[in-house]
Amino acid sequence: MKIVIGGQVEKKEIEKLIKAYDASIETVVKSDLEAAMMMKQGQADYYFGACHTGGGGALAMAISLLGKANCHTISMPGKPPVREKVEKAVQDGGKAFGFTGDHKEKAVEYLLGTLKA
């Protein structure tokens, strides 16, 4: 599995969380545009991005290049990720996931738990 990390904040911290969860997952940290382009070109399996709202800077480029149906905001300010909603986003074919930087621990845990299941 290869995950590209884009968005606006917490990129290196997200990468560390992914590696702590499973060191065999390949990660690449890029700008939001570069990360979305990697996804569009099939160079990564999933996109994780964080920003202060969970959807703007985290997913704007991914939405424009991959389409809204492939992109899911899994947390927003005051609304932490919910495991069942993350599972549904993955089951619905989600490839790009946005969340707020302050929810990165649970977002990564729930996403990887679902993606690896």
C-alpha atoms as a PDB file:
ATOM      1  CA  MET A   1       0.000   0.000   0.000  1.00  0.00           C
ATOM      2  CA  LYS A   2       1.275   3.464  -0.901  1.00  0.00           C
ATOM      3  CA  ILE A   3      -0.170   6.567   0.736  1.00  0.00           C
ATOM      4  CA  VAL A   4       0.581  10.081  -0.449  1.00  0.00           C
ATOM      5  CA  ILE A   5       0.238  12.762   2.208  1.00  0.00           C
ATOM      6  CA  GLY A   6      -0.891  16.184   1.061  1.00  0.00           C
ATOM      7  CA  GLY A   7      -3.002  18.893   2.613  1.00  0.00           C
ATOM      8  CA  GLN A   8      -1.754  21.973   4.421  1.00  0.00           C
ATOM      9  CA  VAL A   9      -0.732  20.941   7.964  1.00  0.00           C
ATOM     10  CA  GLU A  10       0.785  18.120  10.026  1.00  0.00           C
ATOM     11  CA  LYS A  11       2.213  16.204   7.038  1.00  0.00           C
ATOM     12  CA  LYS A  12       5.323  14.832   8.750  1.00  0.00           C
ATOM     13  CA  GLU A  13       3.316  13.962  11.866  1.00  0.00           C
ATOM     14  CA  ILE A  14       0.781  12.059   9.751  1.00  0.00           C
ATOM     15  CA  GLU A  15       3.605  10.187   8.077  1.00  0.00           C
ATOM     16  CA  LYS A  16       5.013   9.217  11.505  1.00  0.00           C
ATOM     17  CA  LEU A  17       1.587   7.969  12.610  1.00  0.00           C
ATOM     18  CA  ILE A  18       1.245   5.823   9.481  1.00  0.00           C
ATOM     19  CA  LYS A  19       4.725   4.349   9.955  1.00  0.00           C
ATOM     20  CA  ALA A  20       4.021   3.680  13.653  1.00  0.00           C
ATOM     21  CA  TYR A  21       0.823   1.850  12.674  1.00  0.00           C
ATOM     22  CA  ASP A  22       2.523  -0.241   9.971  1.00  0.00           C
ATOM     23  CA  ALA A  23       6.110   0.343   8.881  1.00  0.00           C
ATOM     24  CA  SER A  24       5.531  -1.605   5.656  1.00  0.00           C
ATOM     25  CA  ILE A  25       3.202   1.079   4.250  1.00  0.00           C
ATOM     26  CA  GLU A  26       5.029   3.242   1.729  1.00  0.00           C
ATOM     27  CA  THR A  27       4.484   6.963   2.299  1.00  0.00           C
ATOM     28  CA  VAL A  28       5.322  10.078   0.318  1.00  0.00           C
ATOM     29  CA  VAL A  29       4.872  13.659   1.547  1.00  0.00           C
ATOM     30  CA  LYS A  30       3.985  16.188  -1.176  1.00  0.00           C
ATOM     31  CA  SER A  31       2.194  19.474  -1.676  1.00  0.00           C
ATOM     32  CA  ASP A  32      -1.555  19.124  -2.081  1.00  0.00           C
ATOM     33  CA  LEU A  33      -1.305  19.588  -5.854  1.00  0.00           C
ATOM     34  CA  GLU A  34       1.571  17.113  -6.267  1.00  0.00           C
ATOM     35  CA  ALA A  35      -0.209  14.584  -4.058  1.00  0.00           C
ATOM     36  CA  ALA A  36      -3.441  14.837  -6.041  1.00  0.00           C
ATOM     37  CA  MET A  37      -1.497  14.495  -9.303  1.00  0.00           C
ATOM     38  CA  MET A  38       0.187  11.329  -7.992  1.00  0.00           C
ATOM     39  CA  MET A  39      -3.252   9.887  -7.251  1.00  0.00           C
ATOM     40  CA  LYS A  40      -4.614  10.864 -10.662  1.00  0.00           C
ATOM     41  CA  GLN A  41      -1.623   9.220 -12.361  1.00  0.00           C
ATOM     42  CA  GLY A  42      -2.021   6.014 -10.328  1.00  0.00           C
ATOM     43  CA  GLN A  43       1.252   6.485  -8.452  1.00  0.00           C
ATOM     44  CA  ALA A  44      -0.351   6.048  -5.006  1.00  0.00           C
ATOM     45  CA  ASP A  45      -3.254   4.049  -3.612  1.00  0.00           C
ATOM     46  CA  TYR A  46      -4.621   6.592  -1.135  1.00  0.00           C
ATOM     47  CA  TYR A  47      -4.345  10.273  -0.246  1.00  0.00           C
ATOM     48  CA  PHE A  48      -4.415  11.565   3.336  1.00  0.00           C
ATOM     49  CA  GLY A  49      -4.535  15.320   3.921  1.00  0.00           C
ATOM     50  CA  ALA A  50      -5.079  17.607   6.877  1.00  0.00           C
ATOM     51  CA  CYS A  51      -6.001  21.244   7.223  1.00  0.00           C
ATOM     52  CA  HIS A  52      -7.830  23.385   9.756  1.00  0.00           C
ATOM     53  CA  THR A  53     -11.314  22.564   8.390  1.00  0.00           C
ATOM     54  CA  GLY A  54     -10.853  18.977   7.193  1.00  0.00           C
ATOM     55  CA  GLY A  55     -12.051  19.683   3.681  1.00  0.00           C
ATOM     56  CA  GLY A  56     -10.633  22.911   2.259  1.00  0.00           C
ATOM     57  CA  GLY A  57      -6.855  22.800   2.112  1.00  0.00           C
ATOM     58  CA  ALA A  58      -6.895  19.086   2.871  1.00  0.00           C
ATOM     59  CA  LEU A  59      -8.955  18.052  -0.152  1.00  0.00           C
ATOM     60  CA  ALA A  60      -9.455  20.940  -2.588  1.00  0.00           C
ATOM     61  CA  MET A  61      -6.902  19.757  -5.150  1.00  0.00           C
ATOM     62  CA  ALA A  62      -7.910  16.111  -4.727  1.00  0.00           C
ATOM     63  CA  ILE A  63     -11.565  16.980  -5.321  1.00  0.00           C
ATOM     64  CA  SER A  64     -10.744  18.953  -8.461  1.00  0.00           C
ATOM     65  CA  LEU A  65      -8.523  16.233  -9.932  1.00  0.00           C
ATOM     66  CA  LEU A  66     -10.142  13.029  -8.640  1.00  0.00           C
ATOM     67  CA  GLY A  67     -13.783  14.070  -8.350  1.00  0.00           C
ATOM     68  CA  LYS A  68     -15.916  14.560  -5.248  1.00  0.00           C
ATOM     69  CA  ALA A  69     -17.076  10.928  -5.181  1.00  0.00           C
ATOM     70  CA  ASN A  70     -13.520   9.758  -4.473  1.00  0.00           C
ATOM     71  CA  CYS A  71     -12.900  12.284  -1.685  1.00  0.00           C
ATOM     72  CA  HIS A  72     -14.254  12.272   1.850  1.00  0.00           C
ATOM     73  CA  THR A  73     -13.925  14.644   4.781  1.00  0.00           C
ATOM     74  CA  ILE A  74     -13.746  12.398   7.839  1.00  0.00           C
ATOM     75  CA  SER A  75     -13.386  15.078  10.507  1.00  0.00           C
ATOM     76  CA  MET A  76     -14.090  18.777  10.929  1.00  0.00           C
ATOM     77  CA  PRO A  77     -13.559  21.240  13.781  1.00  0.00           C
ATOM     78  CA  GLY A  78     -15.526  19.954  16.762  1.00  0.00           C
ATOM     79  CA  LYS A  79     -16.482  16.748  14.911  1.00  0.00           C
ATOM     80  CA  PRO A  80     -13.831  14.045  15.380  1.00  0.00           C
ATOM     81  CA  PRO A  81     -13.737  11.023  13.095  1.00  0.00           C
ATOM     82  CA  VAL A  82     -16.304   8.293  13.728  1.00  0.00           C
ATOM     83  CA  ARG A  83     -15.138   4.762  12.932  1.00  0.00           C
ATOM     84  CA  GLU A  84     -18.396   3.772  11.210  1.00  0.00           C
ATOM     85  CA  LYS A  85     -18.348   6.852   8.971  1.00  0.00           C
ATOM     86  CA  VAL A  86     -14.720   6.192   8.025  1.00  0.00           C
ATOM     87  CA  GLU A  87     -15.602   2.586   7.182  1.00  0.00           C
ATOM     88  CA  LYS A  88     -18.495   3.781   5.009  1.00  0.00           C
ATOM     89  CA  ALA A  89     -16.270   6.308   3.196  1.00  0.00           C
ATOM     90  CA  VAL A  90     -13.833   3.509   2.331  1.00  0.00           C
ATOM     91  CA  GLN A  91     -16.639   1.108   1.348  1.00  0.00           C
ATOM     92  CA  ASP A  92     -18.085   3.831  -0.898  1.00  0.00           C
ATOM     93  CA  GLY A  93     -14.838   3.816  -2.876  1.00  0.00           C
ATOM     94  CA  GLY A  94     -13.048   6.691  -1.181  1.00  0.00           C
ATOM     95  CA  LYS A  95      -9.427   7.189  -2.212  1.00  0.00           C
ATOM     96  CA  ALA A  96      -8.688  10.628  -0.725  1.00  0.00           C
ATOM     97  CA  PHE A  97      -9.433  11.515   2.879  1.00  0.00           C
ATOM     98  CA  GLY A  98      -9.309  14.872   4.621  1.00  0.00           C
ATOM     99  CA  PHE A  99      -9.354  15.609   8.326  1.00  0.00           C
ATOM    100  CA  THR A 100      -8.343  18.307  10.773  1.00  0.00           C
ATOM    101  CA  GLY A 101      -4.822  18.282  12.104  1.00  0.00           C
ATOM    102  CA  ASP A 102      -5.992  17.945  15.694  1.00  0.00           C
ATOM    103  CA  HIS A 103      -7.790  14.685  14.818  1.00  0.00           C
ATOM    104  CA  LYS A 104      -4.852  13.099  13.005  1.00  0.00           C
ATOM    105  CA  GLU A 105      -4.289  10.268  15.497  1.00  0.00           C
ATOM    106  CA  LYS A 106      -7.825   8.866  15.330  1.00  0.00           C
ATOM    107  CA  ALA A 107      -8.187   9.640  11.619  1.00  0.00           C
ATOM    108  CA  VAL A 108      -5.068   7.654  10.738  1.00  0.00           C
ATOM    109  CA  GLU A 109      -5.991   4.836  13.135  1.00  0.00           C
ATOM    110  CA  TYR A 110      -9.517   4.453  11.735  1.00  0.00           C
ATOM    111  CA  LEU A 111      -8.446   4.821   8.099  1.00  0.00           C
ATOM    112  CA  LEU A 112      -5.633   2.305   8.300  1.00  0.00           C
ATOM    113  CA  GLY A 113      -7.707  -0.118  10.345  1.00  0.00           C
ATOM    114  CA  THR A 114     -10.372  -0.042   7.655  1.00  0.00           C
ATOM    115  CA  LEU A 115      -8.047  -0.025   4.645  1.00  0.00           C
ATOM    116  CA  LYS A 116      -6.040  -2.981   5.963  1.00  0.00           C
ATOM    117  CA  ALA A 117      -9.130  -5.039   6.889  1.00  0.00           C
END
